[in-house]
Amino acid sequence: MKYFDAHTHVQFVAFKDDADEVVKRAQEAEVGMNIVGTQYDTSVAAVAMAEKYDDVWATIGLHPIHTSKSYHDAKELGEGGKEFTSRGEQFDGAKYEALAQHPKVIAIGECGFDYYRQGEATKKLQIENFVAQIELANKVGKPLMLHIRQAYSDALEVLKTHAKVQGDVHFFAGSWEEAKQFLDLGFTLSFTGVITFTHDYDEVVKNTPLNMLLTETDAPYVTPAPYRGKRNEPMHIPHIVKKIAEIKGVGEEEARSQILLNSQRLFGLH
């Protein structure tokens, strides 16, 4: 393993016909991965996939968009929810704690706030589920995988009050001022293939210390250049590492080795 995809969803319906081949292509590209759950059944599916392969791990948790029955993504849940269903799940600490004991579970999440899909009207429900997952992470001593969309200040407030562990801010899209506050708490920031086709994130990538950066695909979404328009998959991680090196003005090998070390440190990989 020379690279690490800190956040991918190869258990989603988008990969139902070739998930094994996708993992094998990643292994051939020397890319390890963290398969991230978004609700209980996709968390169980993530653990099942992690059990099958070397250099594949899982994160379990409840995405804020699934705390109420609303947004449906066919790439995640299938047409009409035939494979997975967004039920409007309430986080069940006992069920997730049992799953968290699995040796291949390396983090809790993706959890946090999403005011883009859910809006602030669901804030109370989102807070309850976020805090419950932070408490589980504290209890089992595993880092958090954060999903925060249009809600960085609220998330920081909750973390400062409740979190005793650190974690990663997945697909960070905030300002440098917001980034600094997460870095001060010891949270890493992870970046996707978006950085290969827009300069919107350059300032944050450039200013973030190399030892606090992670790479992720968020597959099947946000495919990097030169593969835009196609389904994303973990084998594309080297393109993101290359772009980070370019933005930061460091050698590609320096960026690759440090980002891998960062992943190993945060998630306790061995």
C-alpha atoms as a PDB file:
ATOM      1  CA  MET A   1       0.000   0.000   0.000  1.00  0.00           C
ATOM      2  CA  LYS A   2       1.516   3.285  -1.173  1.00  0.00           C
ATOM      3  CA  TYR A   3      -1.631   5.408  -1.232  1.00  0.00           C
ATOM      4  CA  PHE A   4      -4.773   5.617   0.889  1.00  0.00           C
ATOM      5  CA  ASP A   5      -8.314   6.549  -0.072  1.00  0.00           C
ATOM      6  CA  ALA A   6      -9.601   7.884   3.246  1.00  0.00           C
ATOM      7  CA  HIS A   7     -13.244   8.015   2.171  1.00  0.00           C
ATOM      8  CA  THR A   8     -14.905   5.880  -0.485  1.00  0.00           C
ATOM      9  CA  HIS A   9     -18.245   4.128  -0.991  1.00  0.00           C
ATOM     10  CA  VAL A  10     -17.538   1.020  -3.057  1.00  0.00           C
ATOM     11  CA  GLN A  11     -20.376  -0.733  -1.202  1.00  0.00           C
ATOM     12  CA  PHE A  12     -22.903   1.593  -2.864  1.00  0.00           C
ATOM     13  CA  VAL A  13     -25.278   0.409  -5.575  1.00  0.00           C
ATOM     14  CA  ALA A  14     -23.154   2.242  -8.174  1.00  0.00           C
ATOM     15  CA  PHE A  15     -20.630  -0.619  -7.763  1.00  0.00           C
ATOM     16  CA  LYS A  16     -23.046  -3.527  -7.404  1.00  0.00           C
ATOM     17  CA  ASP A  17     -21.908  -5.236 -10.621  1.00  0.00           C
ATOM     18  CA  ASP A  18     -18.141  -4.922 -10.230  1.00  0.00           C
ATOM     19  CA  ALA A  19     -17.159  -4.015  -6.663  1.00  0.00           C
ATOM     20  CA  ASP A  20     -14.625  -6.845  -6.480  1.00  0.00           C
ATOM     21  CA  GLU A  21     -12.943  -5.690  -9.688  1.00  0.00           C
ATOM     22  CA  VAL A  22     -12.866  -2.107  -8.384  1.00  0.00           C
ATOM     23  CA  VAL A  23     -11.067  -3.219  -5.225  1.00  0.00           C
ATOM     24  CA  LYS A  24      -8.636  -5.332  -7.240  1.00  0.00           C
ATOM     25  CA  ARG A  25      -7.822  -2.401  -9.526  1.00  0.00           C
ATOM     26  CA  ALA A  26      -7.115  -0.301  -6.448  1.00  0.00           C
ATOM     27  CA  GLN A  27      -4.835  -2.995  -5.047  1.00  0.00           C
ATOM     28  CA  GLU A  28      -2.945  -3.152  -8.343  1.00  0.00           C
ATOM     29  CA  ALA A  29      -2.488   0.629  -8.091  1.00  0.00           C
ATOM     30  CA  GLU A  30      -1.260   0.119  -4.477  1.00  0.00           C
ATOM     31  CA  VAL A  31      -4.197   2.077  -3.059  1.00  0.00           C
ATOM     32  CA  GLY A  32      -5.659   1.037   0.301  1.00  0.00           C
ATOM     33  CA  MET A  33      -9.117   2.282   1.237  1.00  0.00           C
ATOM     34  CA  ASN A  34     -11.615   3.183   3.925  1.00  0.00           C
ATOM     35  CA  ILE A  35     -15.169   2.209   2.925  1.00  0.00           C
ATOM     36  CA  VAL A  36     -17.537   4.589   4.666  1.00  0.00           C
ATOM     37  CA  GLY A  37     -21.055   3.761   5.814  1.00  0.00           C
ATOM     38  CA  THR A  38     -23.906   6.242   5.554  1.00  0.00           C
ATOM     39  CA  GLN A  39     -26.562   4.372   7.581  1.00  0.00           C
ATOM     40  CA  TYR A  40     -26.762   1.022   9.337  1.00  0.00           C
ATOM     41  CA  ASP A  41     -27.143  -1.221   6.283  1.00  0.00           C
ATOM     42  CA  THR A  42     -24.418   0.501   4.246  1.00  0.00           C
ATOM     43  CA  SER A  43     -22.194   0.349   7.354  1.00  0.00           C
ATOM     44  CA  VAL A  44     -22.761  -3.409   7.615  1.00  0.00           C
ATOM     45  CA  ALA A  45     -21.990  -3.706   3.893  1.00  0.00           C
ATOM     46  CA  ALA A  46     -18.775  -1.709   4.377  1.00  0.00           C
ATOM     47  CA  VAL A  47     -17.590  -4.052   7.126  1.00  0.00           C
ATOM     48  CA  ALA A  48     -18.444  -7.103   5.007  1.00  0.00           C
ATOM     49  CA  MET A  49     -16.286  -5.770   2.162  1.00  0.00           C
ATOM     50  CA  ALA A  50     -13.421  -4.872   4.512  1.00  0.00           C
ATOM     51  CA  GLU A  51     -13.400  -8.432   5.832  1.00  0.00           C
ATOM     52  CA  LYS A  52     -12.683  -9.768   2.353  1.00  0.00           C
ATOM     53  CA  TYR A  53      -9.540  -7.825   1.449  1.00  0.00           C
ATOM     54  CA  ASP A  54      -6.136  -6.740   2.664  1.00  0.00           C
ATOM     55  CA  ASP A  55      -5.620  -2.971   2.958  1.00  0.00           C
ATOM     56  CA  VAL A  56      -9.375  -2.359   3.064  1.00  0.00           C
ATOM     57  CA  TRP A  57     -11.066  -0.981   6.195  1.00  0.00           C
ATOM     58  CA  ALA A  58     -14.503   0.331   7.155  1.00  0.00           C
ATOM     59  CA  THR A  59     -16.100   3.302   8.881  1.00  0.00           C
ATOM     60  CA  ILE A  60     -19.575   2.961  10.380  1.00  0.00           C
ATOM     61  CA  GLY A  61     -22.138   5.627  11.073  1.00  0.00           C
ATOM     62  CA  LEU A  62     -25.205   7.619  10.102  1.00  0.00           C
ATOM     63  CA  HIS A  63     -24.982  10.386   7.511  1.00  0.00           C
ATOM     64  CA  PRO A  64     -26.965  13.504   8.467  1.00  0.00           C
ATOM     65  CA  ILE A  65     -29.094  13.263   5.313  1.00  0.00           C
ATOM     66  CA  HIS A  66     -30.414   9.901   6.530  1.00  0.00           C
ATOM     67  CA  THR A  67     -31.633  11.193   9.886  1.00  0.00           C
ATOM     68  CA  SER A  68     -34.906  12.023   8.151  1.00  0.00           C
ATOM     69  CA  LYS A  69     -36.496  10.396   5.124  1.00  0.00           C
ATOM     70  CA  SER A  70     -35.895  12.876   2.352  1.00  0.00           C
ATOM     71  CA  TYR A  71     -33.067  12.911  -0.164  1.00  0.00           C
ATOM     72  CA  HIS A  72     -32.651   9.765  -2.272  1.00  0.00           C
ATOM     73  CA  ASP A  73     -29.497   9.155  -4.289  1.00  0.00           C
ATOM     74  CA  ALA A  74     -29.846   6.297  -6.781  1.00  0.00           C
ATOM     75  CA  LYS A  75     -26.050   5.801  -6.866  1.00  0.00           C
ATOM     76  CA  GLU A  76     -26.154   5.087  -3.136  1.00  0.00           C
ATOM     77  CA  LEU A  77     -29.501   3.396  -2.537  1.00  0.00           C
ATOM     78  CA  GLY A  78     -30.585   2.088  -5.937  1.00  0.00           C
ATOM     79  CA  GLU A  79     -33.645   2.920  -7.995  1.00  0.00           C
ATOM     80  CA  GLY A  80     -36.597   3.101  -5.641  1.00  0.00           C
ATOM     81  CA  GLY A  81     -34.398   1.943  -2.761  1.00  0.00           C
ATOM     82  CA  LYS A  82     -34.450  -1.690  -3.838  1.00  0.00           C
ATOM     83  CA  GLU A  83     -31.046  -2.395  -2.295  1.00  0.00           C
ATOM     84  CA  PHE A  84     -30.889   0.197   0.501  1.00  0.00           C
ATOM     85  CA  THR A  85     -33.631   2.433   1.860  1.00  0.00           C
ATOM     86  CA  SER A  86     -33.362   5.850   3.489  1.00  0.00           C
ATOM     87  CA  ARG A  87     -35.708   5.238   6.384  1.00  0.00           C
ATOM     88  CA  GLY A  88     -35.119   8.349   8.416  1.00  0.00           C
ATOM     89  CA  GLU A  89     -32.898   6.413  10.798  1.00  0.00           C
ATOM     90  CA  GLN A  90     -32.342   7.307  14.436  1.00  0.00           C
ATOM     91  CA  PHE A  91     -28.826   6.390  15.527  1.00  0.00           C
ATOM     92  CA  ASP A  92     -28.949   3.163  17.552  1.00  0.00           C
ATOM     93  CA  GLY A  93     -25.873   3.309  19.773  1.00  0.00           C
ATOM     94  CA  ALA A  94     -26.020  -0.337  20.859  1.00  0.00           C
ATOM     95  CA  LYS A  95     -26.203  -1.696  17.314  1.00  0.00           C
ATOM     96  CA  TYR A  96     -23.395   0.532  16.069  1.00  0.00           C
ATOM     97  CA  GLU A  97     -21.260  -0.157  19.138  1.00  0.00           C
ATOM     98  CA  ALA A  98     -21.468  -3.889  18.461  1.00  0.00           C
ATOM     99  CA  LEU A  99     -20.372  -3.249  14.868  1.00  0.00           C
ATOM    100  CA  ALA A 100     -17.592  -0.912  16.041  1.00  0.00           C
ATOM    101  CA  GLN A 101     -15.883  -3.808  17.848  1.00  0.00           C
ATOM    102  CA  HIS A 102     -14.882  -5.311  14.515  1.00  0.00           C
ATOM    103  CA  PRO A 103     -11.087  -5.022  14.123  1.00  0.00           C
ATOM    104  CA  LYS A 104     -11.435  -3.585  10.625  1.00  0.00           C
ATOM    105  CA  VAL A 105     -13.650  -0.692  11.755  1.00  0.00           C
ATOM    106  CA  ILE A 106     -11.335   2.309  11.963  1.00  0.00           C
ATOM    107  CA  ALA A 107     -13.677   5.285  12.480  1.00  0.00           C
ATOM    108  CA  ILE A 108     -17.199   6.442  13.296  1.00  0.00           C
ATOM    109  CA  GLY A 109     -19.176   8.329  10.639  1.00  0.00           C
ATOM    110  CA  GLU A 110     -19.792   9.838   8.257  1.00  0.00           C
ATOM    111  CA  CYS A 111     -21.550  12.035  10.741  1.00  0.00           C
ATOM    112  CA  GLY A 112     -22.119  15.733  11.216  1.00  0.00           C
ATOM    113  CA  PHE A 113     -24.376  18.365   9.702  1.00  0.00           C
ATOM    114  CA  ASP A 114     -25.832  18.877   6.229  1.00  0.00           C
ATOM    115  CA  TYR A 115     -27.817  22.088   5.825  1.00  0.00           C
ATOM    116  CA  TYR A 116     -27.652  21.811   2.031  1.00  0.00           C
ATOM    117  CA  ARG A 117     -29.863  18.719   1.702  1.00  0.00           C
ATOM    118  CA  GLN A 118     -31.685  18.896   5.025  1.00  0.00           C
ATOM    119  CA  GLY A 119     -31.826  22.560   5.944  1.00  0.00           C
ATOM    120  CA  GLU A 120     -31.680  24.097   9.378  1.00  0.00           C
ATOM    121  CA  ALA A 121     -35.238  22.977  10.148  1.00  0.00           C
ATOM    122  CA  THR A 122     -33.820  19.515  10.909  1.00  0.00           C
ATOM    123  CA  LYS A 123     -31.004  20.926  13.060  1.00  0.00           C
ATOM    124  CA  LYS A 124     -32.263  19.461  16.355  1.00  0.00           C
ATOM    125  CA  LEU A 125     -32.503  15.966  14.866  1.00  0.00           C
ATOM    126  CA  GLN A 126     -29.092  16.302  13.250  1.00  0.00           C
ATOM    127  CA  ILE A 127     -27.507  17.458  16.522  1.00  0.00           C
ATOM    128  CA  GLU A 128     -28.947  14.504  18.462  1.00  0.00           C
ATOM    129  CA  ASN A 129     -27.555  11.990  15.985  1.00  0.00           C
ATOM    130  CA  PHE A 130     -24.212  13.768  15.664  1.00  0.00           C
ATOM    131  CA  VAL A 131     -23.667  13.917  19.422  1.00  0.00           C
ATOM    132  CA  ALA A 132     -24.638  10.240  19.802  1.00  0.00           C
ATOM    133  CA  GLN A 133     -21.962   9.285  17.274  1.00  0.00           C
ATOM    134  CA  ILE A 134     -19.339  11.478  18.929  1.00  0.00           C
ATOM    135  CA  GLU A 135     -20.128   9.754  22.224  1.00  0.00           C
ATOM    136  CA  LEU A 136     -19.702   6.347  20.578  1.00  0.00           C
ATOM    137  CA  ALA A 137     -16.362   7.424  19.105  1.00  0.00           C
ATOM    138  CA  ASN A 138     -15.273   8.635  22.538  1.00  0.00           C
ATOM    139  CA  LYS A 139     -16.338   5.325  24.088  1.00  0.00           C
ATOM    140  CA  VAL A 140     -14.620   3.027  21.587  1.00  0.00           C
ATOM    141  CA  GLY A 141     -11.608   5.304  21.099  1.00  0.00           C
ATOM    142  CA  LYS A 142     -11.902   5.604  17.329  1.00  0.00           C
ATOM    143  CA  PRO A 143     -11.680   8.800  15.267  1.00  0.00           C
ATOM    144  CA  LEU A 144     -14.590  10.599  13.649  1.00  0.00           C
ATOM    145  CA  MET A 145     -15.279  10.856   9.928  1.00  0.00           C
ATOM    146  CA  LEU A 146     -17.071  14.170   9.527  1.00  0.00           C
ATOM    147  CA  HIS A 147     -19.567  15.203   6.875  1.00  0.00           C
ATOM    148  CA  ILE A 148     -20.170  18.945   7.150  1.00  0.00           C
ATOM    149  CA  ARG A 149     -21.996  20.924   4.504  1.00  0.00           C
ATOM    150  CA  GLN A 150     -22.796  24.617   4.994  1.00  0.00           C
ATOM    151  CA  ALA A 151     -22.468  24.138   8.758  1.00  0.00           C
ATOM    152  CA  TYR A 152     -18.810  24.473   9.799  1.00  0.00           C
ATOM    153  CA  SER A 153     -19.360  26.840  12.730  1.00  0.00           C
ATOM    154  CA  ASP A 154     -22.148  24.701  14.217  1.00  0.00           C
ATOM    155  CA  ALA A 155     -20.036  21.561  13.834  1.00  0.00           C
ATOM    156  CA  LEU A 156     -17.058  23.188  15.556  1.00  0.00           C
ATOM    157  CA  GLU A 157     -19.249  24.176  18.485  1.00  0.00           C
ATOM    158  CA  VAL A 158     -20.508  20.601  18.932  1.00  0.00           C
ATOM    159  CA  LEU A 159     -17.019  19.110  18.597  1.00  0.00           C
ATOM    160  CA  LYS A 160     -15.531  21.486  21.161  1.00  0.00           C
ATOM    161  CA  THR A 161     -18.292  20.563  23.604  1.00  0.00           C
ATOM    162  CA  HIS A 162     -18.416  16.792  23.125  1.00  0.00           C
ATOM    163  CA  ALA A 163     -15.464  15.280  21.263  1.00  0.00           C
ATOM    164  CA  LYS A 164     -12.626  13.578  23.116  1.00  0.00           C
ATOM    165  CA  VAL A 165     -11.252  12.059  19.914  1.00  0.00           C
ATOM    166  CA  GLN A 166      -9.999  13.609  16.708  1.00  0.00           C
ATOM    167  CA  GLY A 167     -10.833  12.701  13.147  1.00  0.00           C
ATOM    168  CA  ASP A 168     -11.029  13.831   9.546  1.00  0.00           C
ATOM    169  CA  VAL A 169     -13.126  16.531   7.894  1.00  0.00           C
ATOM    170  CA  HIS A 170     -14.176  14.700   4.745  1.00  0.00           C
ATOM    171  CA  PHE A 171     -14.347  16.675   1.472  1.00  0.00           C
ATOM    172  CA  PHE A 172     -13.394  19.925   3.166  1.00  0.00           C
ATOM    173  CA  ALA A 173     -14.924  22.868   1.264  1.00  0.00           C
ATOM    174  CA  GLY A 174     -14.688  25.729   3.723  1.00  0.00           C
ATOM    175  CA  SER A 175     -12.484  28.799   4.003  1.00  0.00           C
ATOM    176  CA  TRP A 176      -8.941  28.895   5.344  1.00  0.00           C
ATOM    177  CA  GLU A 177     -10.278  30.592   8.486  1.00  0.00           C
ATOM    178  CA  GLU A 178     -12.617  27.633   9.051  1.00  0.00           C
ATOM    179  CA  ALA A 179      -9.885  25.144   8.176  1.00  0.00           C
ATOM    180  CA  LYS A 180      -7.568  26.591  10.831  1.00  0.00           C
ATOM    181  CA  GLN A 181     -10.157  25.962  13.529  1.00  0.00           C
ATOM    182  CA  PHE A 182     -10.400  22.260  12.678  1.00  0.00           C
ATOM    183  CA  LEU A 183      -6.620  21.963  12.437  1.00  0.00           C
ATOM    184  CA  ASP A 184      -6.323  23.570  15.882  1.00  0.00           C
ATOM    185  CA  LEU A 185      -8.537  20.757  17.227  1.00  0.00           C
ATOM    186  CA  GLY A 186      -6.210  18.192  15.638  1.00  0.00           C
ATOM    187  CA  PHE A 187      -8.552  17.202  12.814  1.00  0.00           C
ATOM    188  CA  THR A 188      -7.105  16.375   9.407  1.00  0.00           C
ATOM    189  CA  LEU A 189      -8.654  17.709   6.198  1.00  0.00           C
ATOM    190  CA  SER A 190      -9.235  15.437   3.217  1.00  0.00           C
ATOM    191  CA  PHE A 191      -9.519  16.464  -0.413  1.00  0.00           C
ATOM    192  CA  THR A 192     -11.097  14.850  -3.452  1.00  0.00           C
ATOM    193  CA  GLY A 193     -10.622  14.905  -7.207  1.00  0.00           C
ATOM    194  CA  VAL A 194     -12.315  18.332  -7.279  1.00  0.00           C
ATOM    195  CA  ILE A 195      -8.880  19.895  -6.727  1.00  0.00           C
ATOM    196  CA  THR A 196      -7.788  18.581 -10.159  1.00  0.00           C
ATOM    197  CA  PHE A 197     -10.304  20.740 -12.037  1.00  0.00           C
ATOM    198  CA  THR A 198     -10.931  23.840  -9.911  1.00  0.00           C
ATOM    199  CA  HIS A 199      -8.710  26.268  -8.001  1.00  0.00           C
ATOM    200  CA  ASP A 200     -11.335  26.897  -5.296  1.00  0.00           C
ATOM    201  CA  TYR A 201      -9.452  24.782  -2.754  1.00  0.00           C
ATOM    202  CA  ASP A 202      -5.892  25.846  -3.571  1.00  0.00           C
ATOM    203  CA  GLU A 203      -5.518  28.294  -0.680  1.00  0.00           C
ATOM    204  CA  VAL A 204      -6.576  25.760   1.953  1.00  0.00           C
ATOM    205  CA  VAL A 205      -4.448  22.955   0.464  1.00  0.00           C
ATOM    206  CA  LYS A 206      -1.438  25.251   0.206  1.00  0.00           C
ATOM    207  CA  ASN A 207      -1.756  26.538   3.784  1.00  0.00           C
ATOM    208  CA  THR A 208      -2.590  23.238   5.506  1.00  0.00           C
ATOM    209  CA  PRO A 209       0.527  21.498   6.863  1.00  0.00           C
ATOM    210  CA  LEU A 210       1.373  18.447   4.748  1.00  0.00           C
ATOM    211  CA  ASN A 211       1.153  16.252   7.855  1.00  0.00           C
ATOM    212  CA  MET A 212      -2.538  17.183   8.288  1.00  0.00           C
ATOM    213  CA  LEU A 213      -3.776  16.321   4.785  1.00  0.00           C
ATOM    214  CA  LEU A 214      -5.553  13.180   3.579  1.00  0.00           C
ATOM    215  CA  THR A 215      -6.673  12.110   0.113  1.00  0.00           C
ATOM    216  CA  GLU A 216     -10.054  10.623  -0.768  1.00  0.00           C
ATOM    217  CA  THR A 217     -12.144   9.831  -3.816  1.00  0.00           C
ATOM    218  CA  ASP A 218     -15.640   9.950  -2.276  1.00  0.00           C
ATOM    219  CA  ALA A 219     -16.305   7.428  -5.056  1.00  0.00           C
ATOM    220  CA  PRO A 220     -18.529   7.083  -7.015  1.00  0.00           C
ATOM    221  CA  TYR A 221     -18.620  10.904  -6.988  1.00  0.00           C
ATOM    222  CA  VAL A 222     -16.294  13.776  -8.069  1.00  0.00           C
ATOM    223  CA  THR A 223     -14.042  11.919 -10.491  1.00  0.00           C
ATOM    224  CA  PRO A 224     -10.702  13.681 -11.009  1.00  0.00           C
ATOM    225  CA  ALA A 225      -9.315  14.908 -14.296  1.00  0.00           C
ATOM    226  CA  PRO A 226      -8.627  13.292 -16.743  1.00  0.00           C
ATOM    227  CA  TYR A 227     -11.521  10.877 -16.018  1.00  0.00           C
ATOM    228  CA  ARG A 228     -14.338  13.395 -15.456  1.00  0.00           C
ATOM    229  CA  GLY A 229     -17.713  12.162 -16.649  1.00  0.00           C
ATOM    230  CA  LYS A 230     -16.933   8.577 -15.625  1.00  0.00           C
ATOM    231  CA  ARG A 231     -17.689   6.828 -12.339  1.00  0.00           C
ATOM    232  CA  ASN A 232     -14.983   7.491  -9.779  1.00  0.00           C
ATOM    233  CA  GLU A 233     -13.067   4.713  -7.999  1.00  0.00           C
ATOM    234  CA  PRO A 234     -10.180   4.406  -5.518  1.00  0.00           C
ATOM    235  CA  MET A 235      -7.522   3.669  -8.145  1.00  0.00           C
ATOM    236  CA  HIS A 236      -7.651   7.391  -9.046  1.00  0.00           C
ATOM    237  CA  ILE A 237      -6.071   8.524  -5.751  1.00  0.00           C
ATOM    238  CA  PRO A 238      -2.580   9.053  -7.281  1.00  0.00           C
ATOM    239  CA  HIS A 239      -4.002  11.908  -9.400  1.00  0.00           C
ATOM    240  CA  ILE A 240      -5.124  13.698  -6.234  1.00  0.00           C
ATOM    241  CA  VAL A 241      -1.748  13.181  -4.539  1.00  0.00           C
ATOM    242  CA  LYS A 242      -0.021  14.576  -7.624  1.00  0.00           C
ATOM    243  CA  LYS A 243      -2.197  17.691  -7.549  1.00  0.00           C
ATOM    244  CA  ILE A 244      -1.595  18.267  -3.827  1.00  0.00           C
ATOM    245  CA  ALA A 245       2.158  18.060  -4.445  1.00  0.00           C
ATOM    246  CA  GLU A 246       1.812  20.575  -7.272  1.00  0.00           C
ATOM    247  CA  ILE A 247      -0.250  23.047  -5.209  1.00  0.00           C
ATOM    248  CA  LYS A 248       2.095  22.803  -2.234  1.00  0.00           C
ATOM    249  CA  GLY A 249       5.264  22.938  -4.316  1.00  0.00           C
ATOM    250  CA  VAL A 250       6.693  19.692  -2.940  1.00  0.00           C
ATOM    251  CA  GLY A 251       7.858  16.492  -4.614  1.00  0.00           C
ATOM    252  CA  GLU A 252       5.204  13.938  -5.480  1.00  0.00           C
ATOM    253  CA  GLU A 253       6.981  11.229  -3.493  1.00  0.00           C
ATOM    254  CA  GLU A 254       7.208  13.481  -0.425  1.00  0.00           C
ATOM    255  CA  ALA A 255       3.476  14.173  -0.649  1.00  0.00           C
ATOM    256  CA  ARG A 256       2.608  10.509  -1.219  1.00  0.00           C
ATOM    257  CA  SER A 257       4.652   9.162   1.683  1.00  0.00           C
ATOM    258  CA  GLN A 258       3.504  11.844   4.159  1.00  0.00           C
ATOM    259  CA  ILE A 259      -0.181  11.501   3.272  1.00  0.00           C
ATOM    260  CA  LEU A 260       0.067   7.734   3.737  1.00  0.00           C
ATOM    261  CA  LEU A 261       1.715   8.287   7.136  1.00  0.00           C
ATOM    262  CA  ASN A 262      -1.073  10.704   8.069  1.00  0.00           C
ATOM    263  CA  SER A 263      -3.683   8.053   7.249  1.00  0.00           C
ATOM    264  CA  GLN A 264      -1.834   5.407   9.241  1.00  0.00           C
ATOM    265  CA  ARG A 265      -1.507   7.752  12.226  1.00  0.00           C
ATOM    266  CA  LEU A 266      -5.130   8.902  12.318  1.00  0.00           C
ATOM    267  CA  PHE A 267      -6.762   5.535  11.716  1.00  0.00           C
ATOM    268  CA  GLY A 268      -4.224   3.328  13.506  1.00  0.00           C
ATOM    269  CA  LEU A 269      -3.536   1.290  10.370  1.00  0.00           C
ATOM    270  CA  HIS A 270      -0.934  -1.433  10.498  1.00  0.00           C
END
